[in-house]
Amino acid sequence: MSLELEIIAFSASFIGVSGSLPQIIKIIKTKETEAISYSMYFMLILGSCLWMTYGIRTPLYSIIFWNAVAISTYITVIALKFRTEKPALFKNKFVLKANIRYPVYALLLTISAFTV
């Protein structure tokens, strides 16, 4: 890929990933997450994973890098949403034991403990 195309891809990816940052800042400031959809962010994660797979198969490092960054911001939004909805679960220092009956929630709790 030429340098010009790489700069365009890098800039576009940076702008696209930066779109999650205002959401993260708003959640931290207001603690309001009622309007945020889990399914939307899970779909964004799945899409970014597929883009990363494409980037790995055709060695395009900007696609790999920016989709990894995107996945981390999407996981942060999900973790913040979960944390504001279930604050009592975060009082336990052993996050993995907080909710064994729901493995997805246990995974989100573990991720949020390390990202937030």
C-alpha atoms as a PDB file:
ATOM      1  CA  MET A   1       0.000   0.000   0.000  1.00  0.00           C
ATOM      2  CA  SER A   2       1.336   3.437  -0.857  1.00  0.00           C
ATOM      3  CA  LEU A   3       2.166   5.949   1.846  1.00  0.00           C
ATOM      4  CA  GLU A   4      -0.694   8.230   0.793  1.00  0.00           C
ATOM      5  CA  LEU A   5      -3.237   5.437   1.102  1.00  0.00           C
ATOM      6  CA  GLU A   6      -1.791   4.395   4.446  1.00  0.00           C
ATOM      7  CA  ILE A   7      -2.129   7.976   5.742  1.00  0.00           C
ATOM      8  CA  ILE A   8      -5.748   8.101   4.565  1.00  0.00           C
ATOM      9  CA  ALA A   9      -6.509   4.730   6.196  1.00  0.00           C
ATOM     10  CA  PHE A  10      -4.774   5.782   9.412  1.00  0.00           C
ATOM     11  CA  SER A  11      -6.671   9.095   9.558  1.00  0.00           C
ATOM     12  CA  ALA A  12     -10.041   7.513   8.768  1.00  0.00           C
ATOM     13  CA  SER A  13      -9.524   4.821  11.374  1.00  0.00           C
ATOM     14  CA  PHE A  14      -8.446   7.346  13.992  1.00  0.00           C
ATOM     15  CA  ILE A  15     -11.578   9.423  13.399  1.00  0.00           C
ATOM     16  CA  GLY A  16     -13.800   6.335  13.443  1.00  0.00           C
ATOM     17  CA  VAL A  17     -12.371   4.993  16.681  1.00  0.00           C
ATOM     18  CA  SER A  18     -12.458   8.446  18.269  1.00  0.00           C
ATOM     19  CA  GLY A  19     -16.248   8.339  17.938  1.00  0.00           C
ATOM     20  CA  SER A  20     -16.449   6.143  21.042  1.00  0.00           C
ATOM     21  CA  LEU A  21     -14.456   8.529  23.225  1.00  0.00           C
ATOM     22  CA  PRO A  22     -17.264  11.108  23.701  1.00  0.00           C
ATOM     23  CA  GLN A  23     -19.561   8.263  24.787  1.00  0.00           C
ATOM     24  CA  ILE A  24     -17.016   7.051  27.332  1.00  0.00           C
ATOM     25  CA  ILE A  25     -16.494  10.579  28.688  1.00  0.00           C
ATOM     26  CA  LYS A  26     -20.246  11.154  28.959  1.00  0.00           C
ATOM     27  CA  ILE A  27     -20.746   7.881  30.826  1.00  0.00           C
ATOM     28  CA  ILE A  28     -17.968   8.730  33.276  1.00  0.00           C
ATOM     29  CA  LYS A  29     -19.371  12.228  33.898  1.00  0.00           C
ATOM     30  CA  THR A  30     -23.104  11.496  34.073  1.00  0.00           C
ATOM     31  CA  LYS A  31     -23.203   7.812  35.079  1.00  0.00           C
ATOM     32  CA  GLU A  32     -26.195   7.452  32.709  1.00  0.00           C
ATOM     33  CA  THR A  33     -26.175   4.402  30.453  1.00  0.00           C
ATOM     34  CA  GLU A  34     -29.839   3.570  30.056  1.00  0.00           C
ATOM     35  CA  ALA A  35     -29.958   4.489  26.354  1.00  0.00           C
ATOM     36  CA  ILE A  36     -26.872   2.440  25.444  1.00  0.00           C
ATOM     37  CA  SER A  37     -27.549  -0.905  23.797  1.00  0.00           C
ATOM     38  CA  TYR A  38     -25.465  -3.947  24.666  1.00  0.00           C
ATOM     39  CA  SER A  39     -26.343  -5.592  21.372  1.00  0.00           C
ATOM     40  CA  MET A  40     -25.068  -2.648  19.336  1.00  0.00           C
ATOM     41  CA  TYR A  41     -21.681  -2.714  21.027  1.00  0.00           C
ATOM     42  CA  PHE A  42     -21.447  -6.504  20.761  1.00  0.00           C
ATOM     43  CA  MET A  43     -22.139  -6.156  17.038  1.00  0.00           C
ATOM     44  CA  LEU A  44     -19.455  -3.471  16.770  1.00  0.00           C
ATOM     45  CA  ILE A  45     -17.004  -5.799  18.520  1.00  0.00           C
ATOM     46  CA  LEU A  46     -17.898  -8.626  16.145  1.00  0.00           C
ATOM     47  CA  GLY A  47     -17.457  -6.322  13.151  1.00  0.00           C
ATOM     48  CA  SER A  48     -14.078  -5.128  14.415  1.00  0.00           C
ATOM     49  CA  CYS A  49     -12.994  -8.734  15.001  1.00  0.00           C
ATOM     50  CA  LEU A  50     -13.891  -9.547  11.406  1.00  0.00           C
ATOM     51  CA  TRP A  51     -11.972  -6.474  10.184  1.00  0.00           C
ATOM     52  CA  MET A  52      -8.987  -7.583  12.262  1.00  0.00           C
ATOM     53  CA  THR A  53      -9.197 -11.015  10.664  1.00  0.00           C
ATOM     54  CA  TYR A  54      -9.181  -9.353   7.263  1.00  0.00           C
ATOM     55  CA  GLY A  55      -6.205  -7.218   8.284  1.00  0.00           C
ATOM     56  CA  ILE A  56      -4.295 -10.266   9.490  1.00  0.00           C
ATOM     57  CA  ARG A  57      -5.048 -12.271   6.346  1.00  0.00           C
ATOM     58  CA  THR A  58      -3.929  -9.392   4.082  1.00  0.00           C
ATOM     59  CA  PRO A  59      -1.162  -7.839   6.180  1.00  0.00           C
ATOM     60  CA  LEU A  60      -2.616  -4.359   6.645  1.00  0.00           C
ATOM     61  CA  TYR A  61      -1.265  -3.216   9.971  1.00  0.00           C
ATOM     62  CA  SER A  62      -3.355  -0.056  10.258  1.00  0.00           C
ATOM     63  CA  ILE A  63      -6.535  -2.150  10.061  1.00  0.00           C
ATOM     64  CA  ILE A  64      -5.239  -4.551  12.690  1.00  0.00           C
ATOM     65  CA  PHE A  65      -4.101  -1.771  15.034  1.00  0.00           C
ATOM     66  CA  TRP A  66      -7.153   0.471  14.819  1.00  0.00           C
ATOM     67  CA  ASN A  67      -9.635  -2.363  15.128  1.00  0.00           C
ATOM     68  CA  ALA A  68      -7.812  -3.577  18.233  1.00  0.00           C
ATOM     69  CA  VAL A  69      -8.130  -0.059  19.640  1.00  0.00           C
ATOM     70  CA  ALA A  70     -11.807   0.026  18.615  1.00  0.00           C
ATOM     71  CA  ILE A  71     -12.494  -3.271  20.367  1.00  0.00           C
ATOM     72  CA  SER A  72     -10.934  -1.951  23.568  1.00  0.00           C
ATOM     73  CA  THR A  73     -13.080   1.201  23.476  1.00  0.00           C
ATOM     74  CA  TYR A  74     -16.236  -0.831  22.801  1.00  0.00           C
ATOM     75  CA  ILE A  75     -15.423  -3.153  25.695  1.00  0.00           C
ATOM     76  CA  THR A  76     -14.874  -0.093  27.889  1.00  0.00           C
ATOM     77  CA  VAL A  77     -18.342   1.248  27.016  1.00  0.00           C
ATOM     78  CA  ILE A  78     -19.920  -2.134  27.770  1.00  0.00           C
ATOM     79  CA  ALA A  79     -17.999  -2.400  31.039  1.00  0.00           C
ATOM     80  CA  LEU A  80     -19.010   1.106  32.105  1.00  0.00           C
ATOM     81  CA  LYS A  81     -22.653   0.379  31.268  1.00  0.00           C
ATOM     82  CA  PHE A  82     -22.561  -2.839  33.234  1.00  0.00           C
ATOM     83  CA  ARG A  83     -20.784  -1.148  36.123  1.00  0.00           C
ATOM     84  CA  THR A  84     -23.405   1.615  36.375  1.00  0.00           C
ATOM     85  CA  GLU A  85     -26.267  -0.872  36.174  1.00  0.00           C
ATOM     86  CA  LYS A  86     -24.882  -3.350  38.719  1.00  0.00           C
ATOM     87  CA  PRO A  87     -22.759  -1.314  41.192  1.00  0.00           C
ATOM     88  CA  ALA A  88     -23.273  -3.766  44.071  1.00  0.00           C
ATOM     89  CA  LEU A  89     -21.374  -6.467  42.196  1.00  0.00           C
ATOM     90  CA  PHE A  90     -18.218  -4.341  42.159  1.00  0.00           C
ATOM     91  CA  LYS A  91     -17.865  -4.214  45.934  1.00  0.00           C
ATOM     92  CA  ASN A  92     -16.505  -7.764  45.850  1.00  0.00           C
ATOM     93  CA  LYS A  93     -12.739  -7.877  45.248  1.00  0.00           C
ATOM     94  CA  PHE A  94     -13.028 -11.308  43.663  1.00  0.00           C
ATOM     95  CA  VAL A  95     -14.745 -10.187  40.504  1.00  0.00           C
ATOM     96  CA  LEU A  96     -14.893 -13.626  38.913  1.00  0.00           C
ATOM     97  CA  LYS A  97     -16.943 -14.954  41.835  1.00  0.00           C
ATOM     98  CA  ALA A  98     -19.415 -12.066  41.725  1.00  0.00           C
ATOM     99  CA  ASN A  99     -21.921 -13.734  39.453  1.00  0.00           C
ATOM    100  CA  ILE A 100     -21.096 -17.302  38.478  1.00  0.00           C
ATOM    101  CA  ARG A 101     -24.641 -18.043  37.253  1.00  0.00           C
ATOM    102  CA  TYR A 102     -24.223 -15.668  34.308  1.00  0.00           C
ATOM    103  CA  PRO A 103     -20.889 -16.293  32.556  1.00  0.00           C
ATOM    104  CA  VAL A 104     -21.290 -13.300  30.225  1.00  0.00           C
ATOM    105  CA  TYR A 105     -21.702 -10.973  33.188  1.00  0.00           C
ATOM    106  CA  ALA A 106     -18.747 -12.581  34.943  1.00  0.00           C
ATOM    107  CA  LEU A 107     -16.661 -11.980  31.817  1.00  0.00           C
ATOM    108  CA  LEU A 108     -17.810  -8.359  31.606  1.00  0.00           C
ATOM    109  CA  LEU A 109     -17.060  -7.843  35.292  1.00  0.00           C
ATOM    110  CA  THR A 110     -13.566  -9.227  34.822  1.00  0.00           C
ATOM    111  CA  ILE A 111     -12.907  -7.077  31.763  1.00  0.00           C
ATOM    112  CA  SER A 112     -14.249  -3.962  33.464  1.00  0.00           C
ATOM    113  CA  ALA A 113     -12.133  -4.577  36.544  1.00  0.00           C
ATOM    114  CA  PHE A 114      -9.016  -4.445  34.425  1.00  0.00           C
ATOM    115  CA  THR A 115     -10.096  -1.647  32.041  1.00  0.00           C
ATOM    116  CA  VAL A 116     -11.694   0.821  34.425  1.00  0.00           C
END
